[in-house]
């Protein structure tokens, strides 16, 4: 029988996989929808960014609810809600542009509970010595979800009407709910977590001032902001880049857009393994987090600058696989750092950080569309993303920490 904590970790991975598949399917579907409906790149950017409007609004309330009621209650509710929103997306799009934006906003509202719920579950179930790997397993649902979402959406659109994409992906969320019910049957929140995870402690009031005035917390927030700018740029615009700048078909654009996330999956787990191994050998958590983040961010910046001058789809793909893989290595630093700094309040701190980290999803995606329309190329968007990676590395190297604050 698989241990409960392993099942919880696997279900968190699958929830992130489903959530990111539902985010990314619009990046491919919008190519077909935009061609059919005559959207400009700026209007496409508005559609893609609408998700993040709802997402940013729900993050802090979701963090509080996860602490109050527990991730075990919150996560299945969230998956049900966003899967339903995915299923109704075609009906909204065929009704009006405003209805489509409303559906995307509601999708974001539901997905806002994803990471606070997962952090609450992992903080409750996973011992400190295995947390980097557990967080990496959860976070690897991002690239796997994007690989599946991009590749499957492109394949579906080549063979079926675009609404089929949303029906297939919406149904996947309900399959996850069946798996959740089966895997957690009979597990009680109060008596299930093993004793070695008990360091997370009982539910307490949130020390807002003490946490939000500490420089290491803000170093994580800034790193997350910069990393998410790159993540959302790559997530939202790679299909359009390979379709428009490299001249690929929609199906091939989906496949080429998926490949960098294979790199991200491999590199995120390799980075987590090496980080945990270094900590086990006695290297300080602070040093490990800083080295991993700086290597990831600076490597990603270098690859993005090379991608500006790529003259072939294969060359661009190589650069973007490098950029995405390096960026995912940094997850072993800032994504795991919440549990280093504030294990009892990780779900809340996560919700604050993700609120700030969602701004690039709103502003960055729209700015990228504007830059492409204004300049006619993706070069300035690559350069801006690279610059933010450098800024994130400098700030985290100066102020980041792995020492517990509470």
Protein backbone atom coordinates (compact mmCIF):
# COMPACT_ATOMS: atom_id res chain seq x y z
CA UNK A 1 0.00 0.00 0.00
CA UNK A 2 1.41 3.39 -0.98
CA UNK A 3 1.99 5.61 2.06
CA UNK A 4 -0.56 8.37 2.52
CA UNK A 5 2.06 11.12 2.29
CA UNK A 6 3.21 9.77 -1.08
CA UNK A 7 -0.36 9.71 -2.31
CA UNK A 8 -0.85 13.30 -1.14
CA UNK A 9 2.32 14.41 -2.95
CA UNK A 10 1.21 12.61 -6.12
CA UNK A 11 -2.27 14.16 -5.98
CA UNK A 12 -0.77 17.63 -5.53
CA UNK A 13 1.39 17.01 -8.60
CA UNK A 14 -1.65 15.89 -10.59
CA UNK A 15 -3.70 18.88 -9.42
CA UNK A 16 -0.98 21.24 -10.64
CA UNK A 17 -0.78 19.24 -13.88
CA UNK A 18 -4.53 19.62 -14.48
CA UNK A 19 -4.53 23.28 -13.43
CA UNK A 20 -1.70 24.26 -15.76
CA UNK A 21 -3.15 22.25 -18.62
CA UNK A 22 -6.32 24.28 -18.22
CA UNK A 23 -4.32 27.52 -18.16
CA UNK A 24 -2.24 26.76 -21.23
CA UNK A 25 -4.91 25.35 -23.52
CA UNK A 26 -6.05 28.90 -24.29
CA UNK A 27 -2.53 29.81 -25.47
CA UNK A 28 -2.97 27.32 -28.33
CA UNK A 29 -6.73 27.65 -28.79
CA UNK A 30 -6.39 31.45 -29.02
CA UNK A 31 -4.25 31.02 -32.15
CA UNK A 32 -7.14 29.29 -33.95
CA UNK A 33 -9.75 31.53 -32.32
CA UNK A 34 -7.75 34.67 -33.17
CA UNK A 35 -7.38 33.67 -36.81
CA UNK A 36 -11.10 32.92 -37.04
CA UNK A 37 -12.25 36.02 -35.19
CA UNK A 38 -9.66 38.51 -36.42
CA UNK A 39 -8.04 39.24 -33.06
CA UNK A 40 -4.95 41.44 -32.88
CA UNK A 41 -2.03 40.34 -30.73
CA UNK A 42 -3.07 42.94 -28.15
CA UNK A 43 -6.59 41.54 -27.94
CA UNK A 44 -5.20 38.03 -27.64
CA UNK A 45 -3.06 39.32 -24.78
CA UNK A 46 -6.20 40.59 -23.02
CA UNK A 47 -7.82 37.15 -23.30
CA UNK A 48 -4.72 35.42 -21.96
CA UNK A 49 -4.27 37.90 -19.10
CA UNK A 50 -7.94 37.79 -17.97
CA UNK A 51 -7.20 34.56 -16.12
CA UNK A 52 -4.75 36.38 -13.88
CA UNK A 53 -7.26 39.06 -12.92
CA UNK A 54 -9.35 36.43 -11.15
CA UNK A 55 -6.28 34.58 -9.93
CA UNK A 56 -4.76 37.58 -8.16
CA UNK A 57 -8.04 38.47 -6.45
CA UNK A 58 -8.51 35.00 -4.96
CA UNK A 59 -4.99 34.22 -3.73
CA UNK A 60 -5.00 35.89 -0.30
CA UNK A 61 -8.54 34.74 0.61
CA UNK A 62 -7.57 31.25 -0.57
CA UNK A 63 -4.49 31.29 1.65
CA UNK A 64 -6.59 32.20 4.67
CA UNK A 65 -9.19 29.56 3.82
CA UNK A 66 -6.48 26.91 3.40
CA UNK A 67 -5.14 27.72 6.87
CA UNK A 68 -8.63 27.84 8.35
CA UNK A 69 -10.20 24.75 6.74
CA UNK A 70 -7.19 22.85 5.43
CA UNK A 71 -5.99 21.96 1.96
CA UNK A 72 -7.81 18.64 2.10
CA UNK A 73 -11.14 20.47 1.91
CA UNK A 74 -10.04 23.33 -0.32
CA UNK A 75 -8.20 21.50 -3.10
CA UNK A 76 -11.05 19.29 -4.44
CA UNK A 77 -13.46 22.23 -4.33
CA UNK A 78 -11.02 24.31 -6.37
CA UNK A 79 -10.44 21.56 -8.95
CA UNK A 80 -14.19 21.07 -9.37
CA UNK A 81 -14.76 24.80 -9.87
CA UNK A 82 -12.03 25.41 -12.42
CA UNK A 83 -12.90 22.25 -14.37
CA UNK A 84 -16.46 23.46 -14.65
CA UNK A 85 -15.22 26.84 -15.90
CA UNK A 86 -13.12 25.07 -18.53
CA UNK A 87 -16.11 23.10 -19.77
CA UNK A 88 -18.24 26.22 -20.23
CA UNK A 89 -15.48 28.23 -21.97
CA UNK A 90 -16.69 27.50 -25.55
CA UNK A 91 -20.25 28.57 -24.71
CA UNK A 92 -18.93 31.82 -23.26
CA UNK A 93 -16.68 32.49 -26.27
CA UNK A 94 -19.51 31.90 -28.73
CA UNK A 95 -21.77 34.21 -26.74
CA UNK A 96 -19.54 37.30 -26.58
CA UNK A 97 -16.03 38.55 -25.96
CA UNK A 98 -17.14 39.88 -22.58
CA UNK A 99 -18.52 36.46 -21.59
CA UNK A 100 -15.22 34.85 -22.58
CA UNK A 101 -13.30 37.29 -20.39
CA UNK A 102 -15.69 36.58 -17.50
CA UNK A 103 -15.17 32.83 -17.87
CA UNK A 104 -11.39 33.28 -17.89
CA UNK A 105 -11.59 35.45 -14.77
CA UNK A 106 -13.70 32.79 -13.00
CA UNK A 107 -11.16 30.14 -14.00
CA UNK A 108 -8.48 32.26 -12.34
CA UNK A 109 -10.59 32.72 -9.21
CA UNK A 110 -10.88 28.96 -8.80
CA UNK A 111 -7.22 28.23 -9.52
CA UNK A 112 -6.14 30.76 -6.89
CA UNK A 113 -6.67 28.07 -4.24
CA UNK A 114 -4.32 25.58 -5.94
CA UNK A 115 -0.96 26.43 -4.41
CA UNK A 116 -2.13 27.54 -0.94
CA UNK A 117 -4.00 24.23 -0.63
CA UNK A 118 -1.02 22.20 -1.85
CA UNK A 119 1.42 23.98 0.46
CA UNK A 120 -0.92 23.35 3.39
CA UNK A 121 -1.07 19.64 2.53
CA UNK A 122 2.67 19.26 2.00
CA UNK A 123 3.53 21.23 5.12
CA UNK A 124 1.26 18.89 7.06
CA UNK A 125 2.45 15.61 5.57
CA UNK A 126 6.05 15.94 4.39
CA UNK A 127 9.08 15.87 6.75
CA UNK A 128 11.58 18.74 6.48
CA UNK A 129 14.33 16.55 5.00
CA UNK A 130 12.17 15.70 1.97
CA UNK A 131 10.44 19.02 1.39
CA UNK A 132 12.57 20.32 -1.46
CA UNK A 133 11.87 17.15 -3.43
CA UNK A 134 8.17 17.19 -2.51
CA UNK A 135 7.84 20.83 -3.57
CA UNK A 136 9.73 20.03 -6.76
CA UNK A 137 7.41 17.10 -7.49
CA UNK A 138 4.43 19.43 -7.04
CA UNK A 139 6.03 22.19 -9.14
CA UNK A 140 6.98 19.73 -11.88
CA UNK A 141 3.26 19.52 -12.53
CA UNK A 142 3.72 22.95 -14.17
CA UNK A 143 5.96 21.81 -17.05
CA UNK A 144 4.24 18.44 -17.40
CA UNK A 145 0.86 20.15 -17.51
CA UNK A 146 2.14 22.55 -20.12
CA UNK A 147 3.67 19.80 -22.23
CA UNK A 148 0.41 17.89 -22.11
CA UNK A 149 -1.72 20.98 -22.59
CA UNK A 150 0.25 22.45 -25.49
CA UNK A 151 0.82 19.22 -27.36
CA UNK A 152 -2.70 17.88 -26.86
CA UNK A 153 -4.39 21.19 -27.65
CA UNK A 154 -2.46 21.54 -30.91
CA UNK A 155 -3.25 17.95 -31.87
CA UNK A 156 -6.95 18.36 -31.05
CA UNK A 157 -7.32 21.64 -32.95
CA UNK A 158 -5.74 20.15 -36.08
CA UNK A 159 -8.39 17.40 -36.06
CA UNK A 160 -11.46 18.81 -34.34
CA UNK A 161 -13.24 22.15 -33.81
CA UNK A 162 -11.49 24.30 -31.22
CA UNK A 163 -14.26 23.91 -28.55
CA UNK A 164 -13.25 20.25 -28.24
CA UNK A 165 -10.07 21.38 -26.45
CA UNK A 166 -12.02 22.75 -23.52
CA UNK A 167 -14.33 19.75 -23.26
CA UNK A 168 -11.38 17.34 -23.07
CA UNK A 169 -9.44 19.36 -20.52
CA UNK A 170 -12.47 20.06 -18.39
CA UNK A 171 -13.23 16.34 -18.20
CA UNK A 172 -9.66 15.69 -16.96
CA UNK A 173 -10.40 17.68 -13.80
CA UNK A 174 -13.35 15.46 -12.96
CA UNK A 175 -11.16 12.39 -13.40
CA UNK A 176 -8.76 13.93 -10.85
CA UNK A 177 -11.67 14.31 -8.42
CA UNK A 178 -12.42 10.59 -8.73
CA UNK A 179 -8.76 9.80 -7.98
CA UNK A 180 -8.82 12.17 -4.98
CA UNK A 181 -11.92 10.54 -3.50
CA UNK A 182 -10.42 7.07 -3.92
CA UNK A 183 -6.95 7.93 -2.59
CA UNK A 184 -8.07 9.90 0.47
CA UNK A 185 -11.02 7.77 1.52
CA UNK A 186 -10.98 7.33 5.28
CA UNK A 187 -8.09 9.75 5.88
CA UNK A 188 -8.81 12.29 8.62
CA UNK A 189 -6.95 15.59 8.80
CA UNK A 190 -6.42 15.52 12.59
CA UNK A 191 -5.10 11.98 12.98
CA UNK A 192 -3.52 11.30 9.60
CA UNK A 193 -0.35 13.43 9.41
CA UNK A 194 2.72 11.55 10.66
CA UNK A 195 4.48 12.83 13.74
CA UNK A 196 7.58 13.95 11.90
CA UNK A 197 5.47 16.49 10.01
CA UNK A 198 4.11 17.84 13.24
CA UNK A 199 6.70 20.63 13.26
CA UNK A 200 4.21 22.63 11.20
CA UNK A 201 2.40 23.01 14.51
CA UNK A 202 -1.18 23.80 15.36
CA UNK A 203 -3.22 26.44 13.58
CA UNK A 204 -2.35 29.87 14.92
CA UNK A 205 -3.18 33.48 14.28
CA UNK A 206 -1.06 34.98 11.53
CA UNK A 207 1.79 37.29 12.66
CA UNK A 208 1.32 39.66 9.74
CA UNK A 209 3.73 42.38 10.81
CA UNK A 210 6.53 40.05 11.91
CA UNK A 211 6.46 38.09 8.66
CA UNK A 212 5.85 40.84 6.13
CA UNK A 213 8.58 43.15 7.45
CA UNK A 214 11.40 40.60 7.04
CA UNK A 215 13.81 41.03 4.14
CA UNK A 216 14.17 37.29 3.36
CA UNK A 217 10.40 37.08 2.82
CA UNK A 218 10.51 39.97 0.37
CA UNK A 219 13.54 38.48 -1.37
CA UNK A 220 11.39 35.41 -2.12
CA UNK A 221 8.52 37.63 -3.29
CA UNK A 222 10.78 39.57 -5.69
CA UNK A 223 12.38 36.37 -6.99
CA UNK A 224 8.91 34.92 -7.56
CA UNK A 225 7.81 38.07 -9.41
CA UNK A 226 10.84 37.96 -11.72
CA UNK A 227 10.62 34.21 -12.23
CA UNK A 228 6.91 34.39 -12.97
CA UNK A 229 7.47 37.12 -15.55
CA UNK A 230 9.57 34.61 -17.45
CA UNK A 231 7.18 31.74 -16.71
CA UNK A 232 4.09 33.58 -17.94
CA UNK A 233 5.87 34.98 -20.96
CA UNK A 234 6.92 31.48 -22.01
CA UNK A 235 3.59 29.96 -21.02
CA UNK A 236 1.43 32.45 -22.91
CA UNK A 237 3.45 33.40 -25.97
CA UNK A 238 5.49 30.43 -27.18
CA UNK A 239 2.69 29.05 -29.42
CA UNK A 240 2.19 32.46 -31.02
CA UNK A 241 5.97 32.92 -31.35
CA UNK A 242 6.49 29.61 -33.16
CA UNK A 243 3.40 30.20 -35.29
CA UNK A 244 4.04 33.87 -36.18
CA UNK A 245 7.82 34.36 -35.98
CA UNK A 246 8.92 30.89 -37.09
CA UNK A 247 6.04 30.10 -39.47
CA UNK A 248 5.04 26.71 -38.05
CA UNK A 249 1.59 25.15 -38.30
CA UNK A 250 -0.67 25.31 -35.25
CA UNK A 251 0.00 21.65 -34.45
CA UNK A 252 3.77 22.04 -34.80
CA UNK A 253 3.69 25.30 -32.86
CA UNK A 254 2.00 23.40 -30.03
CA UNK A 255 4.63 20.64 -30.16
CA UNK A 256 7.56 23.06 -30.28
CA UNK A 257 6.01 25.04 -27.41
CA UNK A 258 5.73 21.85 -25.35
CA UNK A 259 9.39 20.82 -25.70
CA UNK A 260 10.83 23.51 -23.36
CA UNK A 261 8.57 22.21 -20.60
CA UNK A 262 10.08 18.74 -20.94
CA UNK A 263 13.38 20.44 -20.21
CA UNK A 264 11.76 22.21 -17.25
CA UNK A 265 10.48 18.92 -15.81
CA UNK A 266 13.89 17.26 -16.00
CA UNK A 267 15.84 20.25 -14.69
CA UNK A 268 13.45 21.10 -11.85
CA UNK A 269 13.69 17.59 -10.41
CA UNK A 270 17.46 17.40 -10.97
CA UNK A 271 17.87 20.75 -9.23
CA UNK A 272 15.75 19.60 -6.28
CA UNK A 273 17.71 16.37 -5.90
CA UNK A 274 21.04 18.21 -5.91
CA UNK A 275 19.73 20.85 -3.48
CA UNK A 276 18.53 18.24 -0.97
CA UNK A 277 21.79 16.29 -1.37
CA UNK A 278 23.86 19.41 -0.66
CA UNK A 279 21.78 20.22 2.43
CA UNK A 280 22.15 16.61 3.63
CA UNK A 281 25.93 16.95 3.31
CA UNK A 282 25.88 19.93 5.64
CA UNK A 283 25.87 22.87 3.22
CA UNK A 284 23.77 25.67 4.72
CA UNK A 285 20.23 26.00 3.39
CA UNK A 286 20.86 29.69 2.71
CA UNK A 287 23.87 28.98 0.50
CA UNK A 288 22.07 26.23 -1.39
CA UNK A 289 19.04 28.39 -2.09
CA UNK A 290 21.17 31.32 -3.32
CA UNK A 291 23.44 29.26 -5.55
CA UNK A 292 20.53 27.40 -7.11
CA UNK A 293 18.48 30.53 -7.77
CA UNK A 294 21.35 32.57 -9.20
CA UNK A 295 22.43 29.74 -11.48
CA UNK A 296 18.87 29.26 -12.72
CA UNK A 297 18.01 32.91 -13.28
CA UNK A 298 21.32 33.93 -14.87
CA UNK A 299 21.34 30.84 -17.09
CA UNK A 300 17.80 31.60 -18.22
CA UNK A 301 18.70 35.23 -18.98
CA UNK A 302 21.61 34.15 -21.16
CA UNK A 303 19.49 31.71 -23.16
CA UNK A 304 16.74 34.29 -23.69
CA UNK A 305 19.25 36.76 -25.09
CA UNK A 306 20.50 34.08 -27.49
CA UNK A 307 16.89 33.37 -28.55
CA UNK A 308 16.51 36.96 -29.78
CA UNK A 309 18.90 36.23 -32.64
CA UNK A 310 17.70 32.72 -33.51
CA UNK A 311 17.04 32.45 -37.24
CA UNK A 312 15.49 29.00 -37.35
CA UNK A 313 12.81 27.16 -35.42
CA UNK A 314 15.34 24.54 -34.29
CA UNK A 315 17.77 27.17 -33.03
CA UNK A 316 15.01 29.04 -31.23
CA UNK A 317 13.80 25.80 -29.68
CA UNK A 318 17.27 24.98 -28.35
CA UNK A 319 17.61 28.42 -26.74
CA UNK A 320 14.12 28.31 -25.24
CA UNK A 321 14.64 24.79 -23.87
CA UNK A 322 17.73 26.14 -22.13
CA UNK A 323 15.91 29.21 -20.83
CA UNK A 324 12.95 27.24 -19.50
CA UNK A 325 15.09 24.48 -17.99
CA UNK A 326 17.33 26.97 -16.20
CA UNK A 327 14.34 28.93 -14.93
CA UNK A 328 12.84 25.75 -13.47
CA UNK A 329 16.04 25.03 -11.55
CA UNK A 330 15.35 28.20 -9.55
CA UNK A 331 12.09 26.68 -8.28
CA UNK A 332 14.22 24.58 -5.91
CA UNK A 333 15.18 27.88 -4.27
CA UNK A 334 12.23 30.23 -4.04
CA UNK A 335 9.38 27.68 -4.21
CA UNK A 336 10.84 25.63 -1.35
CA UNK A 337 11.95 28.71 0.60
CA UNK A 338 8.45 29.35 2.01
CA UNK A 339 8.70 26.21 4.11
CA UNK A 340 12.24 27.13 5.19
CA UNK A 341 11.22 30.55 6.46
CA UNK A 342 7.72 30.06 7.88
CA UNK A 343 6.58 26.39 7.93
CA UNK A 344 3.54 27.10 10.14
CA UNK A 345 2.29 29.84 7.84
CA UNK A 346 3.52 28.65 4.45
CA UNK A 347 0.06 28.57 2.86
CA UNK A 348 -0.55 32.18 3.85
CA UNK A 349 2.90 33.43 2.77
CA UNK A 350 2.45 31.52 -0.47
CA UNK A 351 -0.82 33.34 -1.13
CA UNK A 352 0.83 36.74 -0.57
CA UNK A 353 3.80 35.84 -2.76
CA UNK A 354 1.62 34.44 -5.52
CA UNK A 355 -0.52 37.58 -5.43
CA UNK A 356 2.55 39.67 -6.21
CA UNK A 357 3.81 37.00 -8.58
CA UNK A 358 0.58 37.12 -10.57
CA UNK A 359 1.12 40.75 -11.58
CA UNK A 360 3.38 39.59 -14.45
CA UNK A 361 0.52 37.40 -15.64
CA UNK A 362 -1.68 40.47 -15.97
CA UNK A 363 0.81 43.20 -16.87
CA UNK A 364 3.52 41.11 -18.48
CA UNK A 365 1.27 39.22 -20.89
CA UNK A 366 -0.42 42.45 -22.05
CA UNK A 367 2.89 44.34 -22.28
CA UNK A 368 4.33 41.51 -24.37
CA UNK A 369 1.42 41.74 -26.80
CA UNK A 370 1.90 45.52 -27.02
CA UNK A 371 5.65 45.16 -27.61
CA UNK A 372 5.06 42.64 -30.41
CA UNK A 373 2.46 44.86 -32.08
CA UNK A 374 4.69 47.94 -31.70
CA UNK A 375 8.05 46.48 -32.77
CA UNK A 376 6.90 43.67 -35.03
CA UNK A 377 9.30 41.21 -33.36
CA UNK A 378 9.74 39.29 -30.11
CA UNK A 379 13.29 40.62 -29.49
CA UNK A 380 12.32 43.30 -26.98
CA UNK A 381 10.12 40.84 -25.06
CA UNK A 382 13.05 38.41 -24.75
CA UNK A 383 15.37 41.19 -23.59
CA UNK A 384 12.96 42.51 -20.98
CA UNK A 385 12.41 39.03 -19.53
CA UNK A 386 16.18 38.44 -19.37
CA UNK A 387 16.71 41.74 -17.55
CA UNK A 388 14.15 40.81 -14.89
CA UNK A 389 15.86 37.46 -14.33
CA UNK A 390 19.12 39.30 -13.60
CA UNK A 391 17.35 41.67 -11.19
CA UNK A 392 15.74 38.75 -9.35
CA UNK A 393 19.11 37.00 -8.98
CA UNK A 394 20.80 40.13 -7.58
CA UNK A 395 18.07 40.83 -5.04
CA UNK A 396 17.82 37.25 -3.81
CA UNK A 397 21.59 36.87 -3.56
CA UNK A 398 21.71 40.01 -1.41
CA UNK A 399 18.75 39.38 0.91
CA UNK A 400 17.63 35.74 0.64
CA UNK A 401 17.92 33.30 3.54
CA UNK A 402 17.16 29.70 4.44
CA UNK A 403 16.88 30.24 8.19
CA UNK A 404 13.49 29.80 9.87
CA UNK A 405 12.00 33.14 10.96
CA UNK A 406 9.38 31.84 13.42
